[in-house]
């Protein structure tokens, strides 16, 4: 059974920074893709950023240049460094893992950007 546990959300002022972490446990292939999605109230869940086990990254246009996704393969952990946060970044952020043809999701962590 695979579990994803997120941490690091919270309230931050516009222009501020936050770092999210997500630790995966269970039976996980060494070749996988981990990443982050977000869902704002009344909107669909959208991709934020992904990173493969080989280190290739992909970002939504709205976060390019502001967010950085990284991972520690030894710890099965993915990170999202969020800089220059904007009110439009307010959402529940979900960790995602694609491994051995299956998709897994964390429970989500709230990020609120407000003055």
C-alpha atoms as a PDB file:
ATOM      1  CA  UNK A   1       0.000   0.000   0.000  1.00  0.00           C
ATOM      2  CA  UNK A   2       1.400   3.364  -1.045  1.00  0.00           C
ATOM      3  CA  UNK A   3       0.896   6.418   1.151  1.00  0.00           C
ATOM      4  CA  UNK A   4       1.733  10.056   0.483  1.00  0.00           C
ATOM      5  CA  UNK A   5       2.008  12.509   3.353  1.00  0.00           C
ATOM      6  CA  UNK A   6       2.242  16.225   2.614  1.00  0.00           C
ATOM      7  CA  UNK A   7       3.465  18.989   4.891  1.00  0.00           C
ATOM      8  CA  UNK A   8       4.393  22.652   4.709  1.00  0.00           C
ATOM      9  CA  UNK A   9       1.209  24.469   3.762  1.00  0.00           C
ATOM     10  CA  UNK A  10      -0.061  27.560   5.519  1.00  0.00           C
ATOM     11  CA  UNK A  11      -0.839  31.256   5.283  1.00  0.00           C
ATOM     12  CA  UNK A  12       1.650  33.597   3.624  1.00  0.00           C
ATOM     13  CA  UNK A  13       1.570  37.178   2.435  1.00  0.00           C
ATOM     14  CA  UNK A  14       1.810  38.037  -1.271  1.00  0.00           C
ATOM     15  CA  UNK A  15       5.421  37.956  -2.372  1.00  0.00           C
ATOM     16  CA  UNK A  16       6.316  35.431   0.293  1.00  0.00           C
ATOM     17  CA  UNK A  17       7.624  31.873   0.066  1.00  0.00           C
ATOM     18  CA  UNK A  18       6.601  28.425   1.243  1.00  0.00           C
ATOM     19  CA  UNK A  19       8.115  24.987   0.860  1.00  0.00           C
ATOM     20  CA  UNK A  20       5.947  21.900   0.560  1.00  0.00           C
ATOM     21  CA  UNK A  21       7.171  18.369   1.197  1.00  0.00           C
ATOM     22  CA  UNK A  22       5.645  15.014   0.363  1.00  0.00           C
ATOM     23  CA  UNK A  23       6.998  11.701   1.606  1.00  0.00           C
ATOM     24  CA  UNK A  24       5.954   8.497  -0.120  1.00  0.00           C
ATOM     25  CA  UNK A  25       6.014   5.094   1.542  1.00  0.00           C
ATOM     26  CA  UNK A  26       5.139   1.574   0.460  1.00  0.00           C
ATOM     27  CA  UNK A  27       5.871  -0.428  -2.655  1.00  0.00           C
ATOM     28  CA  UNK A  28       7.214   2.137  -5.120  1.00  0.00           C
ATOM     29  CA  UNK A  29       9.045   1.535  -8.353  1.00  0.00           C
ATOM     30  CA  UNK A  30      12.454   3.145  -8.637  1.00  0.00           C
ATOM     31  CA  UNK A  31      11.219   4.623 -11.931  1.00  0.00           C
ATOM     32  CA  UNK A  32       8.355   6.939 -11.147  1.00  0.00           C
ATOM     33  CA  UNK A  33       7.027  10.442 -11.483  1.00  0.00           C
ATOM     34  CA  UNK A  34       6.199  12.586  -8.485  1.00  0.00           C
ATOM     35  CA  UNK A  35       4.679  16.004  -8.460  1.00  0.00           C
ATOM     36  CA  UNK A  36       2.161  18.539  -7.310  1.00  0.00           C
ATOM     37  CA  UNK A  37      -1.311  19.525  -8.400  1.00  0.00           C
ATOM     38  CA  UNK A  38      -3.581  22.182  -6.956  1.00  0.00           C
ATOM     39  CA  UNK A  39      -7.281  22.852  -6.737  1.00  0.00           C
ATOM     40  CA  UNK A  40      -8.812  26.209  -5.962  1.00  0.00           C
ATOM     41  CA  UNK A  41     -12.426  26.485  -4.752  1.00  0.00           C
ATOM     42  CA  UNK A  42     -14.853  25.868  -7.591  1.00  0.00           C
ATOM     43  CA  UNK A  43     -12.108  24.920 -10.028  1.00  0.00           C
ATOM     44  CA  UNK A  44     -10.651  21.710 -11.393  1.00  0.00           C
ATOM     45  CA  UNK A  45      -7.450  20.158 -10.134  1.00  0.00           C
ATOM     46  CA  UNK A  46      -4.538  21.375 -12.245  1.00  0.00           C
ATOM     47  CA  UNK A  47      -0.928  20.363 -12.656  1.00  0.00           C
ATOM     48  CA  UNK A  48       1.637  22.541 -10.907  1.00  0.00           C
ATOM     49  CA  UNK A  49       4.912  20.675 -11.435  1.00  0.00           C
ATOM     50  CA  UNK A  50       6.257  17.154 -11.881  1.00  0.00           C
ATOM     51  CA  UNK A  51       9.655  15.535 -11.661  1.00  0.00           C
ATOM     52  CA  UNK A  52      10.750  12.103 -12.825  1.00  0.00           C
ATOM     53  CA  UNK A  53      13.047   9.806 -10.885  1.00  0.00           C
ATOM     54  CA  UNK A  54      15.701  10.818 -13.424  1.00  0.00           C
ATOM     55  CA  UNK A  55      15.250  14.498 -12.592  1.00  0.00           C
ATOM     56  CA  UNK A  56      13.305  15.766 -15.612  1.00  0.00           C
ATOM     57  CA  UNK A  57      10.867  18.494 -14.650  1.00  0.00           C
ATOM     58  CA  UNK A  58       7.671  19.958 -16.044  1.00  0.00           C
ATOM     59  CA  UNK A  59       5.906  23.128 -14.872  1.00  0.00           C
ATOM     60  CA  UNK A  60       2.614  24.851 -15.452  1.00  0.00           C
ATOM     61  CA  UNK A  61       3.154  28.137 -17.282  1.00  0.00           C
ATOM     62  CA  UNK A  62       1.637  30.051 -14.377  1.00  0.00           C
ATOM     63  CA  UNK A  63       4.396  28.976 -11.979  1.00  0.00           C
ATOM     64  CA  UNK A  64       7.463  28.925 -14.232  1.00  0.00           C
ATOM     65  CA  UNK A  65      10.234  31.059 -12.785  1.00  0.00           C
ATOM     66  CA  UNK A  66       8.596  31.146  -9.342  1.00  0.00           C
ATOM     67  CA  UNK A  67       8.266  27.510  -8.222  1.00  0.00           C
ATOM     68  CA  UNK A  68      10.945  24.841  -8.105  1.00  0.00           C
ATOM     69  CA  UNK A  69      10.221  21.118  -7.821  1.00  0.00           C
ATOM     70  CA  UNK A  70      12.910  18.778  -6.532  1.00  0.00           C
ATOM     71  CA  UNK A  71      13.191  15.312  -5.023  1.00  0.00           C
ATOM     72  CA  UNK A  72      15.289  13.047  -2.861  1.00  0.00           C
ATOM     73  CA  UNK A  73      15.082   9.567  -4.368  1.00  0.00           C
ATOM     74  CA  UNK A  74      16.667   7.931  -1.343  1.00  0.00           C
ATOM     75  CA  UNK A  75      13.833   9.289   0.810  1.00  0.00           C
ATOM     76  CA  UNK A  76      11.053   8.995  -1.802  1.00  0.00           C
ATOM     77  CA  UNK A  77      10.311  12.623  -1.069  1.00  0.00           C
ATOM     78  CA  UNK A  78       9.326  15.443  -3.398  1.00  0.00           C
ATOM     79  CA  UNK A  79       9.518  19.132  -2.586  1.00  0.00           C
ATOM     80  CA  UNK A  80       7.935  22.272  -3.993  1.00  0.00           C
ATOM     81  CA  UNK A  81       9.667  25.553  -3.279  1.00  0.00           C
ATOM     82  CA  UNK A  82       7.175  28.329  -3.946  1.00  0.00           C
ATOM     83  CA  UNK A  83       8.493  31.882  -4.276  1.00  0.00           C
ATOM     84  CA  UNK A  84       6.885  35.199  -5.166  1.00  0.00           C
ATOM     85  CA  UNK A  85       3.524  33.801  -4.143  1.00  0.00           C
ATOM     86  CA  UNK A  86       0.400  35.496  -5.454  1.00  0.00           C
ATOM     87  CA  UNK A  87      -3.201  35.401  -4.201  1.00  0.00           C
ATOM     88  CA  UNK A  88      -4.001  33.358  -7.320  1.00  0.00           C
ATOM     89  CA  UNK A  89      -1.785  30.583  -5.930  1.00  0.00           C
ATOM     90  CA  UNK A  90      -4.268  29.993  -3.112  1.00  0.00           C
ATOM     91  CA  UNK A  91      -5.456  26.396  -3.337  1.00  0.00           C
ATOM     92  CA  UNK A  92      -5.237  22.957  -1.822  1.00  0.00           C
ATOM     93  CA  UNK A  93      -2.003  21.415  -3.055  1.00  0.00           C
ATOM     94  CA  UNK A  94      -1.968  17.677  -3.659  1.00  0.00           C
ATOM     95  CA  UNK A  95       1.060  15.434  -3.923  1.00  0.00           C
ATOM     96  CA  UNK A  96       0.928  12.898  -6.758  1.00  0.00           C
ATOM     97  CA  UNK A  97       2.884   9.733  -7.528  1.00  0.00           C
ATOM     98  CA  UNK A  98       2.747   7.686 -10.713  1.00  0.00           C
ATOM     99  CA  UNK A  99       4.337   4.288 -10.160  1.00  0.00           C
ATOM    100  CA  UNK A 100       3.915   0.935 -11.877  1.00  0.00           C
ATOM    101  CA  UNK A 101       0.907   2.124 -13.918  1.00  0.00           C
ATOM    102  CA  UNK A 102      -0.931   3.383 -10.815  1.00  0.00           C
ATOM    103  CA  UNK A 103      -1.658   6.883  -9.605  1.00  0.00           C
ATOM    104  CA  UNK A 104      -1.601   7.843  -5.935  1.00  0.00           C
ATOM    105  CA  UNK A 105      -2.656  11.050  -4.220  1.00  0.00           C
ATOM    106  CA  UNK A 106      -1.998  12.687  -0.909  1.00  0.00           C
ATOM    107  CA  UNK A 107      -4.773  14.234   1.160  1.00  0.00           C
ATOM    108  CA  UNK A 108      -3.737  17.759   0.284  1.00  0.00           C
ATOM    109  CA  UNK A 109      -2.358  20.753   2.139  1.00  0.00           C
ATOM    110  CA  UNK A 110      -3.894  24.211   2.114  1.00  0.00           C
ATOM    111  CA  UNK A 111      -1.871  27.160   0.835  1.00  0.00           C
ATOM    112  CA  UNK A 112      -3.406  30.588   1.355  1.00  0.00           C
ATOM    113  CA  UNK A 113      -1.791  33.731  -0.008  1.00  0.00           C
ATOM    114  CA  UNK A 114      -3.344  36.803   1.539  1.00  0.00           C
ATOM    115  CA  UNK A 115      -2.430  40.055   3.217  1.00  0.00           C
END
